[in-house]
Amino acid sequence: SDTVDTDTSDQLAMQSTLTVLAERMATIKMKALGKKQLLEERLNEQVEDQRQEQALKMYCSEVDELDNWLLMTKAALDATLQVPKEQVDMEEQLIDCQNMLVEIEQKVAFVSELFMNSENLLMQGKPQTREQAENLTEKLRNLKGSLTELQRMLQDRSI
């Protein structure tokens, strides 16, 4: 009878220990799952930050290219305007102006698209990219103004 009581109490003690261990295991699993989710969120944030930074760099590069194109186009237009009227083939000059106008319209549309993208970066961006996005937005405003001014000059010239 003592042996049966000892076996029963050993079994109860073992059962109690197993229950405690199972509860601890469940707690550890929950904590591990929580940490895993936290790490995944941080990783996703880092990936999104990198995506935003890459997009911002790409937009800045495209703005610089547009700015260079604008400078070269203005210089070409200024050179054209310096040629005495007698030496100018008006038909050829009109075609050049019309081609430039079409190209400027495309550039303005592209700048508008970049502007929307940079506004999106401003709204969802992190503080470290927000300043760059604000600078980009300002550059885009200036670039669009310059393109529109060049477009007016060409339209006045072709009339």
C-alpha atoms as a PDB file:
ATOM      1  CA  SER A   1       0.000   0.000   0.000  1.00  0.00           C
ATOM      2  CA  ASP A   2       2.904   2.340   0.776  1.00  0.00           C
ATOM      3  CA  THR A   3       4.394   1.546  -2.606  1.00  0.00           C
ATOM      4  CA  VAL A   4       1.108   2.379  -4.349  1.00  0.00           C
ATOM      5  CA  ASP A   5       0.865   5.666  -2.424  1.00  0.00           C
ATOM      6  CA  THR A   6       4.472   6.522  -3.277  1.00  0.00           C
ATOM      7  CA  ASP A   7       3.917   5.681  -6.942  1.00  0.00           C
ATOM      8  CA  THR A   8       0.746   7.786  -7.005  1.00  0.00           C
ATOM      9  CA  SER A   9       2.441  10.728  -5.307  1.00  0.00           C
ATOM     10  CA  ASP A  10       5.447  10.390  -7.673  1.00  0.00           C
ATOM     11  CA  GLN A  11       3.062  10.343 -10.615  1.00  0.00           C
ATOM     12  CA  LEU A  12       1.228  13.416  -9.312  1.00  0.00           C
ATOM     13  CA  ALA A  13       4.527  15.221  -8.716  1.00  0.00           C
ATOM     14  CA  MET A  14       5.715  14.293 -12.203  1.00  0.00           C
ATOM     15  CA  GLN A  15       2.373  15.354 -13.687  1.00  0.00           C
ATOM     16  CA  SER A  16       2.624  18.683 -11.867  1.00  0.00           C
ATOM     17  CA  THR A  17       6.195  19.190 -13.078  1.00  0.00           C
ATOM     18  CA  LEU A  18       5.176  18.337 -16.646  1.00  0.00           C
ATOM     19  CA  THR A  19       2.284  20.822 -16.445  1.00  0.00           C
ATOM     20  CA  VAL A  20       4.597  23.569 -15.196  1.00  0.00           C
ATOM     21  CA  LEU A  21       7.122  22.762 -17.942  1.00  0.00           C
ATOM     22  CA  ALA A  22       4.382  22.776 -20.586  1.00  0.00           C
ATOM     23  CA  GLU A  23       3.191  26.196 -19.353  1.00  0.00           C
ATOM     24  CA  ARG A  24       6.751  27.548 -19.427  1.00  0.00           C
ATOM     25  CA  MET A  25       7.221  26.139 -22.928  1.00  0.00           C
ATOM     26  CA  ALA A  26       4.006  27.830 -24.076  1.00  0.00           C
ATOM     27  CA  THR A  27       5.186  31.135 -22.556  1.00  0.00           C
ATOM     28  CA  ILE A  28       8.594  30.831 -24.233  1.00  0.00           C
ATOM     29  CA  LYS A  29       6.926  30.060 -27.573  1.00  0.00           C
ATOM     30  CA  MET A  30       4.644  33.103 -27.225  1.00  0.00           C
ATOM     31  CA  LYS A  31       7.597  35.356 -26.391  1.00  0.00           C
ATOM     32  CA  ALA A  32       9.591  33.934 -29.306  1.00  0.00           C
ATOM     33  CA  LEU A  33       6.667  34.497 -31.667  1.00  0.00           C
ATOM     34  CA  GLY A  34       6.321  38.087 -30.414  1.00  0.00           C
ATOM     35  CA  LYS A  35      10.030  38.731 -30.943  1.00  0.00           C
ATOM     36  CA  LYS A  36       9.876  37.144 -34.396  1.00  0.00           C
ATOM     37  CA  GLN A  37       6.990  39.437 -35.358  1.00  0.00           C
ATOM     38  CA  LEU A  38       8.860  42.447 -34.004  1.00  0.00           C
ATOM     39  CA  LEU A  39      11.973  41.522 -35.997  1.00  0.00           C
ATOM     40  CA  GLU A  40       9.877  41.044 -39.147  1.00  0.00           C
ATOM     41  CA  GLU A  41       8.286  44.484 -38.650  1.00  0.00           C
ATOM     42  CA  ARG A  42      11.720  46.084 -38.195  1.00  0.00           C
ATOM     43  CA  LEU A  43      13.010  44.321 -41.284  1.00  0.00           C
ATOM     44  CA  ASN A  44       9.993  45.499 -43.291  1.00  0.00           C
ATOM     45  CA  GLU A  45      10.559  49.066 -42.033  1.00  0.00           C
ATOM     46  CA  GLN A  46      14.218  48.882 -43.059  1.00  0.00           C
ATOM     47  CA  VAL A  47      13.295  47.556 -46.503  1.00  0.00           C
ATOM     48  CA  GLU A  48      10.719  50.346 -46.908  1.00  0.00           C
ATOM     49  CA  ASP A  49      13.257  52.948 -45.753  1.00  0.00           C
ATOM     50  CA  GLN A  50      15.786  51.629 -48.277  1.00  0.00           C
ATOM     51  CA  ARG A  51      13.141  51.657 -51.012  1.00  0.00           C
ATOM     52  CA  GLN A  52      12.277  55.273 -50.197  1.00  0.00           C
ATOM     53  CA  GLU A  53      15.929  56.312 -50.131  1.00  0.00           C
ATOM     54  CA  GLN A  54      16.591  54.606 -53.481  1.00  0.00           C
ATOM     55  CA  ALA A  55      13.503  56.217 -54.987  1.00  0.00           C
ATOM     56  CA  LEU A  56      14.596  59.604 -53.692  1.00  0.00           C
ATOM     57  CA  LYS A  57      18.089  59.179 -55.161  1.00  0.00           C
ATOM     58  CA  MET A  58      16.599  58.126 -58.492  1.00  0.00           C
ATOM     59  CA  TYR A  59      14.241  61.131 -58.522  1.00  0.00           C
ATOM     60  CA  CYS A  60      17.105  63.495 -57.652  1.00  0.00           C
ATOM     61  CA  SER A  61      19.188  62.023 -60.468  1.00  0.00           C
ATOM     62  CA  GLU A  62      16.310  62.451 -62.919  1.00  0.00           C
ATOM     63  CA  VAL A  63      15.831  66.059 -61.782  1.00  0.00           C
ATOM     64  CA  ASP A  64      19.534  66.747 -62.319  1.00  0.00           C
ATOM     65  CA  GLU A  65      19.300  65.284 -65.833  1.00  0.00           C
ATOM     66  CA  LEU A  66      16.265  67.454 -66.575  1.00  0.00           C
ATOM     67  CA  ASP A  67      18.060  70.479 -65.199  1.00  0.00           C
ATOM     68  CA  ASN A  68      21.075  69.823 -67.456  1.00  0.00           C
ATOM     69  CA  TRP A  69      18.775  69.323 -70.456  1.00  0.00           C
ATOM     70  CA  LEU A  70      17.081  72.629 -69.637  1.00  0.00           C
ATOM     71  CA  LEU A  71      20.416  74.473 -69.461  1.00  0.00           C
ATOM     72  CA  MET A  72      21.566  73.009 -72.790  1.00  0.00           C
ATOM     73  CA  THR A  73      18.243  73.802 -74.442  1.00  0.00           C
ATOM     74  CA  LYS A  74      18.305  77.393 -73.166  1.00  0.00           C
ATOM     75  CA  ALA A  75      21.882  77.783 -74.433  1.00  0.00           C
ATOM     76  CA  ALA A  76      20.873  76.395 -77.843  1.00  0.00           C
ATOM     77  CA  LEU A  77      17.883  78.737 -77.962  1.00  0.00           C
ATOM     78  CA  ASP A  78      20.016  81.731 -76.969  1.00  0.00           C
ATOM     79  CA  ALA A  79      22.510  80.837 -79.709  1.00  0.00           C
ATOM     80  CA  THR A  80      19.655  80.606 -82.217  1.00  0.00           C
ATOM     81  CA  LEU A  81      18.335  83.984 -81.165  1.00  0.00           C
ATOM     82  CA  GLN A  82      21.779  85.558 -81.713  1.00  0.00           C
ATOM     83  CA  VAL A  83      21.849  84.656 -85.421  1.00  0.00           C
ATOM     84  CA  PRO A  84      20.947  87.663 -87.624  1.00  0.00           C
ATOM     85  CA  LYS A  85      17.454  87.381 -89.159  1.00  0.00           C
ATOM     86  CA  GLU A  86      18.769  87.370 -92.744  1.00  0.00           C
ATOM     87  CA  GLN A  87      20.784  84.185 -92.124  1.00  0.00           C
ATOM     88  CA  VAL A  88      17.936  82.288 -90.498  1.00  0.00           C
ATOM     89  CA  ASP A  89      15.903  79.700 -92.353  1.00  0.00           C
ATOM     90  CA  MET A  90      12.554  80.541 -90.742  1.00  0.00           C
ATOM     91  CA  GLU A  91      10.913  77.243 -91.686  1.00  0.00           C
ATOM     92  CA  GLU A  92      13.759  75.246 -90.158  1.00  0.00           C
ATOM     93  CA  GLN A  93      13.714  77.417 -87.049  1.00  0.00           C
ATOM     94  CA  LEU A  94       9.949  76.980 -86.714  1.00  0.00           C
ATOM     95  CA  ILE A  95      10.308  73.194 -86.928  1.00  0.00           C
ATOM     96  CA  ASP A  96      13.084  73.291 -84.295  1.00  0.00           C
ATOM     97  CA  CYS A  97      10.890  75.405 -82.014  1.00  0.00           C
ATOM     98  CA  GLN A  98       7.928  73.075 -82.454  1.00  0.00           C
ATOM     99  CA  ASN A  99      10.101  70.045 -81.699  1.00  0.00           C
ATOM    100  CA  MET A 100      11.435  71.757 -78.573  1.00  0.00           C
ATOM    101  CA  LEU A 101       7.878  72.591 -77.495  1.00  0.00           C
ATOM    102  CA  VAL A 102       6.830  68.957 -77.817  1.00  0.00           C
ATOM    103  CA  GLU A 103       9.881  67.864 -75.841  1.00  0.00           C
ATOM    104  CA  ILE A 104       9.204  70.499 -73.178  1.00  0.00           C
ATOM    105  CA  GLU A 105       5.595  69.331 -72.840  1.00  0.00           C
ATOM    106  CA  GLN A 106       6.887  65.797 -72.247  1.00  0.00           C
ATOM    107  CA  LYS A 107       9.384  67.062 -69.682  1.00  0.00           C
ATOM    108  CA  VAL A 108       6.685  69.070 -67.875  1.00  0.00           C
ATOM    109  CA  ALA A 109       4.493  65.954 -67.699  1.00  0.00           C
ATOM    110  CA  PHE A 110       7.470  63.981 -66.359  1.00  0.00           C
ATOM    111  CA  VAL A 111       8.217  66.699 -63.776  1.00  0.00           C
ATOM    112  CA  SER A 112       4.561  66.597 -62.668  1.00  0.00           C
ATOM    113  CA  GLU A 113       4.835  62.835 -62.171  1.00  0.00           C
ATOM    114  CA  LEU A 114       8.083  63.232 -60.207  1.00  0.00           C
ATOM    115  CA  PHE A 115       6.435  65.960 -58.159  1.00  0.00           C
ATOM    116  CA  MET A 116       3.584  63.600 -57.168  1.00  0.00           C
ATOM    117  CA  ASN A 117       6.096  60.883 -56.248  1.00  0.00           C
ATOM    118  CA  SER A 118       8.110  63.294 -54.139  1.00  0.00           C
ATOM    119  CA  GLU A 119       4.925  64.504 -52.407  1.00  0.00           C
ATOM    120  CA  ASN A 120       4.133  60.854 -51.583  1.00  0.00           C
ATOM    121  CA  LEU A 121       7.624  60.445 -50.114  1.00  0.00           C
ATOM    122  CA  LEU A 122       7.045  63.565 -48.038  1.00  0.00           C
ATOM    123  CA  MET A 123       3.795  62.210 -46.631  1.00  0.00           C
ATOM    124  CA  GLN A 124       5.012  58.692 -45.833  1.00  0.00           C
ATOM    125  CA  GLY A 125       8.728  59.328 -45.470  1.00  0.00           C
ATOM    126  CA  LYS A 126      10.851  59.064 -42.397  1.00  0.00           C
ATOM    127  CA  PRO A 127      12.454  62.192 -40.902  1.00  0.00           C
ATOM    128  CA  GLN A 128      15.816  61.365 -42.523  1.00  0.00           C
ATOM    129  CA  THR A 129      14.297  61.290 -46.031  1.00  0.00           C
ATOM    130  CA  ARG A 130      11.747  64.061 -45.451  1.00  0.00           C
ATOM    131  CA  GLU A 131      14.314  66.871 -45.782  1.00  0.00           C
ATOM    132  CA  GLN A 132      15.658  65.393 -49.019  1.00  0.00           C
ATOM    133  CA  ALA A 133      12.112  65.002 -50.336  1.00  0.00           C
ATOM    134  CA  GLU A 134      11.355  68.645 -49.437  1.00  0.00           C
ATOM    135  CA  ASN A 135      14.482  69.761 -51.325  1.00  0.00           C
ATOM    136  CA  LEU A 136      13.473  67.606 -54.278  1.00  0.00           C
ATOM    137  CA  THR A 137       9.977  69.093 -54.269  1.00  0.00           C
ATOM    138  CA  GLU A 138      11.435  72.604 -54.290  1.00  0.00           C
ATOM    139  CA  LYS A 139      13.806  71.715 -57.149  1.00  0.00           C
ATOM    140  CA  LEU A 140      10.871  70.286 -59.093  1.00  0.00           C
ATOM    141  CA  ARG A 141       8.827  73.472 -58.590  1.00  0.00           C
ATOM    142  CA  ASN A 142      11.734  75.559 -59.872  1.00  0.00           C
ATOM    143  CA  LEU A 143      12.373  73.194 -62.773  1.00  0.00           C
ATOM    144  CA  LYS A 144       8.729  73.208 -63.807  1.00  0.00           C
ATOM    145  CA  GLY A 145       8.714  77.012 -63.672  1.00  0.00           C
ATOM    146  CA  SER A 146      11.844  77.169 -65.826  1.00  0.00           C
ATOM    147  CA  LEU A 147      10.418  74.696 -68.331  1.00  0.00           C
ATOM    148  CA  THR A 148       7.192  76.694 -68.558  1.00  0.00           C
ATOM    149  CA  GLU A 149       9.193  79.902 -69.029  1.00  0.00           C
ATOM    150  CA  LEU A 150      11.224  78.290 -71.823  1.00  0.00           C
ATOM    151  CA  GLN A 151       8.010  77.012 -73.362  1.00  0.00           C
ATOM    152  CA  ARG A 152       6.600  80.581 -73.379  1.00  0.00           C
ATOM    153  CA  MET A 153       9.793  81.908 -74.955  1.00  0.00           C
ATOM    154  CA  LEU A 154       9.548  79.310 -77.710  1.00  0.00           C
ATOM    155  CA  GLN A 155       5.867  79.979 -78.288  1.00  0.00           C
ATOM    156  CA  ASP A 156       6.547  83.719 -78.547  1.00  0.00           C
ATOM    157  CA  ARG A 157       9.419  82.978 -80.933  1.00  0.00           C
ATOM    158  CA  SER A 158       7.328  80.705 -83.171  1.00  0.00           C
ATOM    159  CA  ILE A 159       4.383  83.119 -83.456  1.00  0.00           C
END
